[in-house]
Protein backbone atom coordinates (compact mmCIF):
# COMPACT_ATOMS: atom_id res chain seq x y z
CA MET A 1 103.28 45.08 -98.42
CA LYS A 2 105.42 42.90 -96.16
CA SER A 3 105.08 39.93 -98.49
CA ALA A 4 106.17 42.02 -101.49
CA VAL A 5 109.26 43.31 -99.67
CA SER A 6 110.16 39.84 -98.42
CA SER A 7 109.62 38.45 -101.92
CA VAL A 8 111.96 41.05 -103.42
CA LEU A 9 114.59 40.38 -100.75
CA LEU A 10 114.31 36.63 -101.27
CA ASN A 11 114.70 37.01 -105.05
CA PHE A 12 117.69 39.31 -104.57
CA ALA A 13 119.36 36.84 -102.20
CA MET A 14 118.78 33.94 -104.58
CA ALA A 15 120.07 35.89 -107.58
CA SER A 16 123.18 37.09 -105.78
CA THR A 17 123.92 33.56 -104.57
CA VAL A 18 123.56 32.11 -108.04
CA MET A 19 125.55 34.87 -109.72
CA SER A 20 128.44 34.48 -107.30
CA PHE A 21 129.26 31.06 -108.79
CA VAL A 22 129.16 32.07 -112.45
CA PRO A 23 132.67 31.72 -113.91
CA VAL A 24 134.24 34.79 -115.42
CA THR A 25 135.51 34.24 -118.94
CA PRO A 26 137.77 36.60 -120.86
CA MET A 27 134.90 37.40 -123.22
CA SER A 28 132.64 38.50 -120.35
CA ARG A 29 135.16 41.09 -119.12
CA GLN A 30 135.02 44.54 -120.60
CA ILE A 31 138.77 45.10 -120.41
CA ALA A 32 141.05 42.16 -121.06
CA ILE A 33 144.53 42.67 -119.62
CA PRO A 34 147.16 40.44 -121.25
CA LEU A 35 149.40 38.77 -118.70
CA PRO A 36 153.13 38.61 -119.36
CA LYS A 37 154.44 35.16 -120.27
CA THR A 38 156.92 33.69 -117.86
CA VAL A 39 159.51 31.05 -118.55
CA VAL A 40 160.58 28.76 -115.74
CA ASN A 41 164.14 27.46 -115.92
CA MET A 42 164.57 25.04 -113.08
CA GLY A 43 167.00 22.24 -112.43
CA PHE A 44 166.25 19.19 -110.35
CA MET A 45 168.83 17.19 -108.42
CA GLY A 46 171.91 18.52 -110.13
CA GLY A 47 172.11 18.51 -113.88
CA ASP A 48 171.11 16.13 -116.65
CA ASP A 49 174.63 14.65 -116.70
CA ASP A 50 174.82 13.74 -112.99
CA PRO A 51 172.82 10.75 -111.78
CA PRO A 52 171.08 11.25 -108.42
CA LYS A 53 173.15 10.24 -105.42
CA THR A 54 171.66 7.34 -103.48
CA LEU A 55 171.88 7.01 -99.73
CA THR A 56 173.84 3.98 -98.59
CA ARG A 57 174.96 2.76 -95.21
CA GLU A 58 178.48 3.94 -95.89
CA SER A 59 177.49 7.40 -97.11
CA GLU A 60 174.97 8.04 -94.31
CA PRO A 61 176.38 10.38 -91.69
CA ASP A 62 176.78 9.13 -88.14
CA ASP A 63 175.00 12.20 -86.80
CA PHE A 64 171.70 11.96 -88.69
CA PHE A 65 168.57 13.68 -87.42
CA GLN A 66 166.53 11.70 -84.90
CA THR A 67 163.52 12.86 -82.93
CA ASN A 68 163.09 11.95 -79.29
CA THR A 69 160.47 9.38 -80.28
CA ASP A 70 162.93 7.74 -82.68
CA LYS A 71 165.40 7.33 -79.83
CA MET A 72 162.80 5.55 -77.65
CA SER A 73 162.48 1.77 -77.55
CA ASP A 74 159.37 -0.02 -78.78
CA GLU A 75 158.21 -0.65 -75.21
CA ASP A 76 158.29 3.08 -74.54
CA LYS A 77 156.35 3.85 -77.73
CA LEU A 78 153.50 1.43 -76.93
CA PRO A 79 151.62 3.79 -74.53
CA ILE A 80 151.78 6.56 -77.14
CA ALA A 81 150.27 4.26 -79.78
CA LEU A 82 147.53 3.04 -77.42
CA ALA A 83 146.70 6.63 -76.42
CA GLY A 84 146.34 7.57 -80.10
CA LEU A 85 144.08 4.59 -80.73
CA ALA A 86 141.95 5.50 -77.72
CA PHE A 87 141.81 9.15 -78.82
CA VAL A 88 140.39 8.11 -82.19
CA SER A 89 138.01 5.36 -81.07
CA LEU A 90 136.53 6.71 -77.80
CA PRO A 91 134.28 9.36 -79.43
CA PHE A 92 132.69 6.66 -81.60
CA ILE A 93 132.15 4.39 -78.61
CA ALA A 94 130.65 7.28 -76.63
CA GLY A 95 128.34 8.08 -79.55
CA MET A 96 127.16 4.47 -79.75
CA VAL A 97 126.48 4.43 -75.99
CA ALA A 98 124.52 7.68 -76.28
CA LEU A 99 122.59 6.38 -79.28
CA TYR A 100 121.56 3.14 -77.59
CA ALA A 101 120.82 4.89 -74.27
CA SER A 102 118.34 7.21 -75.98
CA LYS A 103 116.12 4.31 -77.11
């Protein structure tokens, strides 16, 4: 009795898993609801007549956005870069040490 119940439950679980990935097509639905058509009217970078404005040294504002890291010198950024490199590489080094220590 237990094997029959477990067999039915296993078959139900397998069938529900397989049926959850079956794509739904418009023909498989009983009621097909037509969606309204939308038209997108969108401009990009002005109009068709205006060429895009390029950024030059003269047209760049004096007060452009800078982060605190941008304001730092390269010597001040070096510890941040080394910390990022260590953050990425130390888990792999620790995994290699653990792998070779287990032998």
